[in-house]
Amino acid sequence: MTLRGINVILLDKVQQGVDDFDNPIYEEVPIEIENVLIAPSSTDEKLSTLNLTGKHAVYTLAIPKEDTHIWENKRVVFFGKIWSVISLPEEGILEMLPLDWNKKVKVERYE
């Protein structure tokens, strides 16, 4: 049996111009990311994240090694819902990890 993740949609922000006050205007562009592992956050992770950030970590996503997208402050769609990335990506040393994933982020429900 091979360990395999699911496809998720990363909502990437692309600048589309500037407003009248020279502030950038962004549009979200959906990008399908394959082979993302999704696991419920542990109780310790939930409490640590809540105490440090005030945010409720629900799931932890393992990101494939070949992915080069920026995940910080983005939204992600999976399980038919929209989630917000609430942590900086934690990244392992590529050569030291035997499986297909080397980064992880935490997400909370975005409503």
N, C-alpha and C. Protein backbone atom coordinates (compact mmCIF):
# COMPACT_ATOMS: atom_id res chain seq x y z
N MET A 1 0.84 -1.18 0.00
CA MET A 1 0.00 0.00 0.00
C MET A 1 0.88 1.25 0.00
N THR A 2 0.55 2.19 -0.87
CA THR A 2 1.31 3.43 -0.97
C THR A 2 0.55 4.54 -0.28
N LEU A 3 1.27 5.33 0.51
CA LEU A 3 0.68 6.47 1.17
C LEU A 3 0.46 7.58 0.15
N ARG A 4 -0.76 8.10 0.06
CA ARG A 4 -1.10 9.10 -0.96
C ARG A 4 -2.07 10.11 -0.36
N GLY A 5 -1.83 11.39 -0.66
CA GLY A 5 -2.70 12.45 -0.18
C GLY A 5 -3.83 12.74 -1.16
N ILE A 6 -4.56 13.79 -0.90
CA ILE A 6 -5.66 14.20 -1.77
C ILE A 6 -5.30 15.51 -2.48
N ASN A 7 -6.10 15.88 -3.47
CA ASN A 7 -5.92 17.16 -4.14
C ASN A 7 -6.65 18.23 -3.35
N VAL A 8 -5.99 19.38 -3.17
CA VAL A 8 -6.61 20.53 -2.53
C VAL A 8 -6.46 21.72 -3.47
N ILE A 9 -7.23 22.76 -3.23
CA ILE A 9 -7.14 23.98 -4.01
C ILE A 9 -6.51 25.06 -3.14
N LEU A 10 -5.35 25.55 -3.55
CA LEU A 10 -4.71 26.67 -2.89
C LEU A 10 -5.20 27.94 -3.58
N LEU A 11 -5.75 28.86 -2.81
CA LEU A 11 -6.22 30.13 -3.37
C LEU A 11 -5.07 31.13 -3.28
N ASP A 12 -4.34 31.26 -4.37
CA ASP A 12 -3.16 32.13 -4.41
C ASP A 12 -3.58 33.55 -4.71
N LYS A 13 -2.89 34.51 -4.12
CA LYS A 13 -3.21 35.92 -4.33
C LYS A 13 -2.32 36.47 -5.44
N VAL A 14 -2.95 37.08 -6.46
CA VAL A 14 -2.24 37.68 -7.58
C VAL A 14 -2.66 39.14 -7.67
N GLN A 15 -1.67 40.03 -7.71
CA GLN A 15 -1.99 41.45 -7.79
C GLN A 15 -2.57 41.78 -9.16
N GLN A 16 -3.73 42.47 -9.15
CA GLN A 16 -4.43 42.82 -10.38
C GLN A 16 -4.35 44.31 -10.69
N GLY A 17 -3.71 45.07 -9.84
CA GLY A 17 -3.61 46.51 -10.04
C GLY A 17 -3.51 47.22 -8.71
N VAL A 18 -3.80 48.51 -8.73
CA VAL A 18 -3.78 49.31 -7.50
C VAL A 18 -5.05 50.15 -7.45
N ASP A 19 -5.46 50.53 -6.23
CA ASP A 19 -6.64 51.37 -6.09
C ASP A 19 -6.24 52.85 -6.17
N ASP A 20 -7.19 53.73 -5.91
CA ASP A 20 -6.95 55.17 -6.00
C ASP A 20 -5.91 55.68 -5.01
N PHE A 21 -5.62 54.89 -3.96
CA PHE A 21 -4.64 55.28 -2.96
C PHE A 21 -3.33 54.52 -3.12
N ASP A 22 -3.13 53.93 -4.28
CA ASP A 22 -1.93 53.13 -4.61
C ASP A 22 -1.76 51.89 -3.73
N ASN A 23 -2.84 51.38 -3.17
CA ASN A 23 -2.80 50.11 -2.46
C ASN A 23 -3.04 48.99 -3.46
N PRO A 24 -2.30 47.89 -3.34
CA PRO A 24 -2.49 46.80 -4.30
C PRO A 24 -3.87 46.16 -4.18
N ILE A 25 -4.41 45.76 -5.32
CA ILE A 25 -5.67 45.03 -5.39
C ILE A 25 -5.33 43.59 -5.79
N TYR A 26 -5.77 42.62 -4.97
CA TYR A 26 -5.45 41.22 -5.22
C TYR A 26 -6.69 40.44 -5.63
N GLU A 27 -6.48 39.43 -6.42
CA GLU A 27 -7.53 38.49 -6.79
C GLU A 27 -7.02 37.09 -6.45
N GLU A 28 -7.91 36.25 -5.94
CA GLU A 28 -7.52 34.88 -5.63
C GLU A 28 -7.63 34.01 -6.88
N VAL A 29 -6.58 33.27 -7.15
CA VAL A 29 -6.53 32.37 -8.30
C VAL A 29 -6.42 30.95 -7.77
N PRO A 30 -7.35 30.05 -8.13
CA PRO A 30 -7.28 28.67 -7.62
C PRO A 30 -6.17 27.88 -8.31
N ILE A 31 -5.38 27.17 -7.48
CA ILE A 31 -4.31 26.30 -7.99
C ILE A 31 -4.49 24.93 -7.35
N GLU A 32 -4.62 23.91 -8.17
CA GLU A 32 -4.79 22.55 -7.63
C GLU A 32 -3.43 22.00 -7.22
N ILE A 33 -3.34 21.55 -5.97
CA ILE A 33 -2.13 20.95 -5.44
C ILE A 33 -2.44 19.48 -5.18
N GLU A 34 -1.67 18.59 -5.78
CA GLU A 34 -1.90 17.16 -5.64
C GLU A 34 -1.12 16.58 -4.46
N ASN A 35 -1.63 15.48 -3.94
CA ASN A 35 -0.93 14.66 -2.95
C ASN A 35 -0.66 15.39 -1.64
N VAL A 36 -1.64 16.09 -1.11
CA VAL A 36 -1.52 16.76 0.18
C VAL A 36 -2.13 15.85 1.26
N LEU A 37 -1.36 15.57 2.29
CA LEU A 37 -1.87 14.78 3.41
C LEU A 37 -2.60 15.71 4.37
N ILE A 38 -3.72 15.25 4.90
CA ILE A 38 -4.50 16.05 5.83
C ILE A 38 -4.75 15.21 7.07
N ALA A 39 -4.39 15.77 8.23
CA ALA A 39 -4.60 15.06 9.49
C ALA A 39 -5.19 16.03 10.51
N PRO A 40 -6.07 15.55 11.36
CA PRO A 40 -6.56 16.41 12.44
C PRO A 40 -5.40 16.85 13.32
N SER A 41 -5.42 18.10 13.73
CA SER A 41 -4.39 18.60 14.64
C SER A 41 -4.55 17.92 16.00
N SER A 42 -3.44 17.62 16.63
CA SER A 42 -3.49 16.99 17.95
C SER A 42 -3.96 17.99 18.99
N THR A 43 -4.36 17.49 20.13
CA THR A 43 -4.81 18.36 21.22
C THR A 43 -3.70 19.31 21.63
N ASP A 44 -2.46 18.82 21.70
CA ASP A 44 -1.34 19.69 22.06
C ASP A 44 -1.14 20.80 21.03
N GLU A 45 -1.23 20.45 19.73
CA GLU A 45 -1.10 21.46 18.68
C GLU A 45 -2.21 22.50 18.77
N LYS A 46 -3.43 22.03 19.03
CA LYS A 46 -4.56 22.95 19.14
C LYS A 46 -4.36 23.93 20.29
N LEU A 47 -3.96 23.41 21.45
CA LEU A 47 -3.77 24.28 22.62
C LEU A 47 -2.60 25.23 22.42
N SER A 48 -1.49 24.74 21.88
CA SER A 48 -0.32 25.59 21.64
C SER A 48 -0.65 26.71 20.67
N THR A 49 -1.32 26.37 19.57
CA THR A 49 -1.67 27.37 18.57
C THR A 49 -2.65 28.38 19.15
N LEU A 50 -3.63 27.92 19.91
CA LEU A 50 -4.61 28.82 20.52
C LEU A 50 -3.93 29.76 21.50
N ASN A 51 -3.03 29.24 22.34
CA ASN A 51 -2.33 30.07 23.32
C ASN A 51 -1.40 31.08 22.66
N LEU A 52 -0.74 30.68 21.58
CA LEU A 52 0.23 31.57 20.92
C LEU A 52 -0.41 32.57 19.98
N THR A 53 -1.45 32.16 19.26
CA THR A 53 -2.00 33.01 18.20
C THR A 53 -3.46 33.39 18.41
N GLY A 54 -4.16 32.69 19.28
CA GLY A 54 -5.59 32.93 19.43
C GLY A 54 -6.42 32.28 18.34
N LYS A 55 -5.79 31.43 17.52
CA LYS A 55 -6.49 30.78 16.42
C LYS A 55 -6.64 29.29 16.72
N HIS A 56 -7.67 28.68 16.13
CA HIS A 56 -8.02 27.29 16.40
C HIS A 56 -7.52 26.39 15.28
N ALA A 57 -6.39 25.73 15.48
CA ALA A 57 -5.87 24.79 14.47
C ALA A 57 -6.78 23.57 14.42
N VAL A 58 -7.32 23.28 13.24
CA VAL A 58 -8.22 22.14 13.09
C VAL A 58 -7.51 20.99 12.40
N TYR A 59 -6.81 21.30 11.30
CA TYR A 59 -6.09 20.28 10.54
C TYR A 59 -4.64 20.72 10.33
N THR A 60 -3.79 19.72 10.14
CA THR A 60 -2.41 19.95 9.72
C THR A 60 -2.26 19.36 8.33
N LEU A 61 -1.73 20.15 7.40
CA LEU A 61 -1.54 19.72 6.01
C LEU A 61 -0.06 19.45 5.78
N ALA A 62 0.25 18.29 5.20
CA ALA A 62 1.61 17.96 4.79
C ALA A 62 1.71 18.26 3.30
N ILE A 63 2.66 19.11 2.94
CA ILE A 63 2.80 19.62 1.57
C ILE A 63 3.88 18.81 0.84
N PRO A 64 3.63 18.40 -0.40
CA PRO A 64 4.60 17.60 -1.15
C PRO A 64 5.93 18.34 -1.37
N LYS A 65 7.00 17.57 -1.45
CA LYS A 65 8.34 18.13 -1.62
C LYS A 65 8.48 19.00 -2.85
N GLU A 66 7.83 18.64 -3.94
CA GLU A 66 8.02 19.38 -5.20
C GLU A 66 7.23 20.69 -5.24
N ASP A 67 6.37 20.95 -4.26
CA ASP A 67 5.56 22.16 -4.28
C ASP A 67 6.40 23.39 -3.92
N THR A 68 6.27 24.45 -4.72
CA THR A 68 7.04 25.68 -4.50
C THR A 68 6.15 26.88 -4.19
N HIS A 69 4.87 26.66 -3.98
CA HIS A 69 3.94 27.77 -3.70
C HIS A 69 4.15 28.33 -2.30
N ILE A 70 3.76 29.57 -2.13
CA ILE A 70 3.80 30.21 -0.82
C ILE A 70 2.47 29.94 -0.13
N TRP A 71 2.51 29.35 1.05
CA TRP A 71 1.30 28.95 1.77
C TRP A 71 0.92 29.93 2.87
N GLU A 72 1.82 30.79 3.26
CA GLU A 72 1.59 31.71 4.36
C GLU A 72 0.45 32.68 4.03
N ASN A 73 -0.49 32.82 4.97
CA ASN A 73 -1.64 33.73 4.84
C ASN A 73 -2.50 33.46 3.60
N LYS A 74 -2.65 32.20 3.24
CA LYS A 74 -3.48 31.83 2.09
C LYS A 74 -4.71 31.08 2.57
N ARG A 75 -5.63 30.88 1.64
CA ARG A 75 -6.81 30.06 1.92
C ARG A 75 -6.70 28.79 1.09
N VAL A 76 -7.29 27.70 1.61
CA VAL A 76 -7.21 26.38 0.99
C VAL A 76 -8.62 25.78 0.98
N VAL A 77 -8.95 25.09 -0.11
CA VAL A 77 -10.25 24.44 -0.21
C VAL A 77 -10.06 22.93 -0.22
N PHE A 78 -10.71 22.24 0.72
CA PHE A 78 -10.76 20.78 0.73
C PHE A 78 -11.95 20.36 1.60
N PHE A 79 -12.41 19.15 1.41
CA PHE A 79 -13.60 18.64 2.10
C PHE A 79 -14.81 19.54 1.88
N GLY A 80 -14.84 20.27 0.75
CA GLY A 80 -15.97 21.12 0.43
C GLY A 80 -16.06 22.39 1.24
N LYS A 81 -14.99 22.74 1.96
CA LYS A 81 -14.99 23.93 2.80
C LYS A 81 -13.73 24.76 2.53
N ILE A 82 -13.77 26.02 2.95
CA ILE A 82 -12.61 26.90 2.80
C ILE A 82 -11.91 27.02 4.16
N TRP A 83 -10.59 26.87 4.14
CA TRP A 83 -9.77 26.90 5.35
C TRP A 83 -8.72 28.00 5.20
N SER A 84 -8.29 28.55 6.30
CA SER A 84 -7.29 29.60 6.30
C SER A 84 -6.00 29.06 6.93
N VAL A 85 -4.87 29.27 6.25
CA VAL A 85 -3.57 28.84 6.79
C VAL A 85 -3.21 29.78 7.93
N ILE A 86 -2.95 29.24 9.11
CA ILE A 86 -2.71 30.07 10.29
C ILE A 86 -1.30 29.94 10.84
N SER A 87 -0.46 29.17 10.18
CA SER A 87 0.91 29.01 10.68
C SER A 87 1.90 29.23 9.55
N LEU A 88 3.12 29.54 9.94
CA LEU A 88 4.20 29.57 8.97
C LEU A 88 4.50 28.13 8.58
N PRO A 89 4.89 27.88 7.34
CA PRO A 89 5.24 26.50 6.97
C PRO A 89 6.45 26.01 7.78
N GLU A 90 6.32 24.82 8.31
CA GLU A 90 7.45 24.16 8.96
C GLU A 90 8.06 23.24 7.92
N GLU A 91 9.36 23.39 7.69
CA GLU A 91 9.99 22.65 6.59
C GLU A 91 11.14 21.80 7.11
N GLY A 92 11.17 20.55 6.66
CA GLY A 92 12.25 19.63 7.01
C GLY A 92 13.32 19.63 5.93
N ILE A 93 14.44 19.04 6.24
CA ILE A 93 15.54 18.93 5.27
C ILE A 93 15.15 17.90 4.23
N LEU A 94 15.12 18.33 2.99
CA LEU A 94 14.62 17.52 1.88
C LEU A 94 15.28 16.14 1.83
N GLU A 95 16.59 16.11 1.91
CA GLU A 95 17.33 14.85 1.77
C GLU A 95 17.16 13.92 2.97
N MET A 96 16.70 14.45 4.09
CA MET A 96 16.57 13.66 5.31
C MET A 96 15.21 13.00 5.46
N LEU A 97 14.27 13.36 4.60
CA LEU A 97 12.92 12.83 4.73
C LEU A 97 12.64 11.80 3.66
N PRO A 98 12.31 10.58 4.04
CA PRO A 98 12.15 9.50 3.07
C PRO A 98 10.83 9.53 2.30
N LEU A 99 9.83 10.21 2.81
CA LEU A 99 8.53 10.21 2.14
C LEU A 99 8.40 11.40 1.19
N ASP A 100 7.21 11.63 0.66
CA ASP A 100 6.99 12.64 -0.38
C ASP A 100 6.71 14.05 0.15
N TRP A 101 6.72 14.26 1.48
CA TRP A 101 6.32 15.54 2.04
C TRP A 101 7.43 16.10 2.92
N ASN A 102 7.65 17.42 2.84
CA ASN A 102 8.69 18.02 3.67
C ASN A 102 8.25 19.31 4.35
N LYS A 103 7.00 19.74 4.14
CA LYS A 103 6.49 20.95 4.79
C LYS A 103 5.14 20.64 5.40
N LYS A 104 4.80 21.42 6.44
CA LYS A 104 3.45 21.29 6.99
C LYS A 104 2.97 22.65 7.46
N VAL A 105 1.66 22.84 7.35
CA VAL A 105 1.00 24.06 7.82
C VAL A 105 -0.26 23.67 8.58
N LYS A 106 -0.70 24.55 9.43
CA LYS A 106 -1.95 24.35 10.18
C LYS A 106 -3.02 25.24 9.58
N VAL A 107 -4.25 24.75 9.58
CA VAL A 107 -5.37 25.53 9.06
C VAL A 107 -6.51 25.56 10.06
N GLU A 108 -7.31 26.64 9.95
CA GLU A 108 -8.54 26.76 10.72
C GLU A 108 -9.67 27.00 9.74
N ARG A 109 -10.88 26.78 10.18
CA ARG A 109 -12.06 26.96 9.32
C ARG A 109 -12.23 28.43 9.02
N TYR A 110 -12.40 28.74 7.74
CA TYR A 110 -12.62 30.12 7.29
C TYR A 110 -14.10 30.26 6.95
N GLU A 111 -14.77 31.21 7.58
CA GLU A 111 -16.21 31.37 7.32
C GLU A 111 -16.53 32.70 6.72
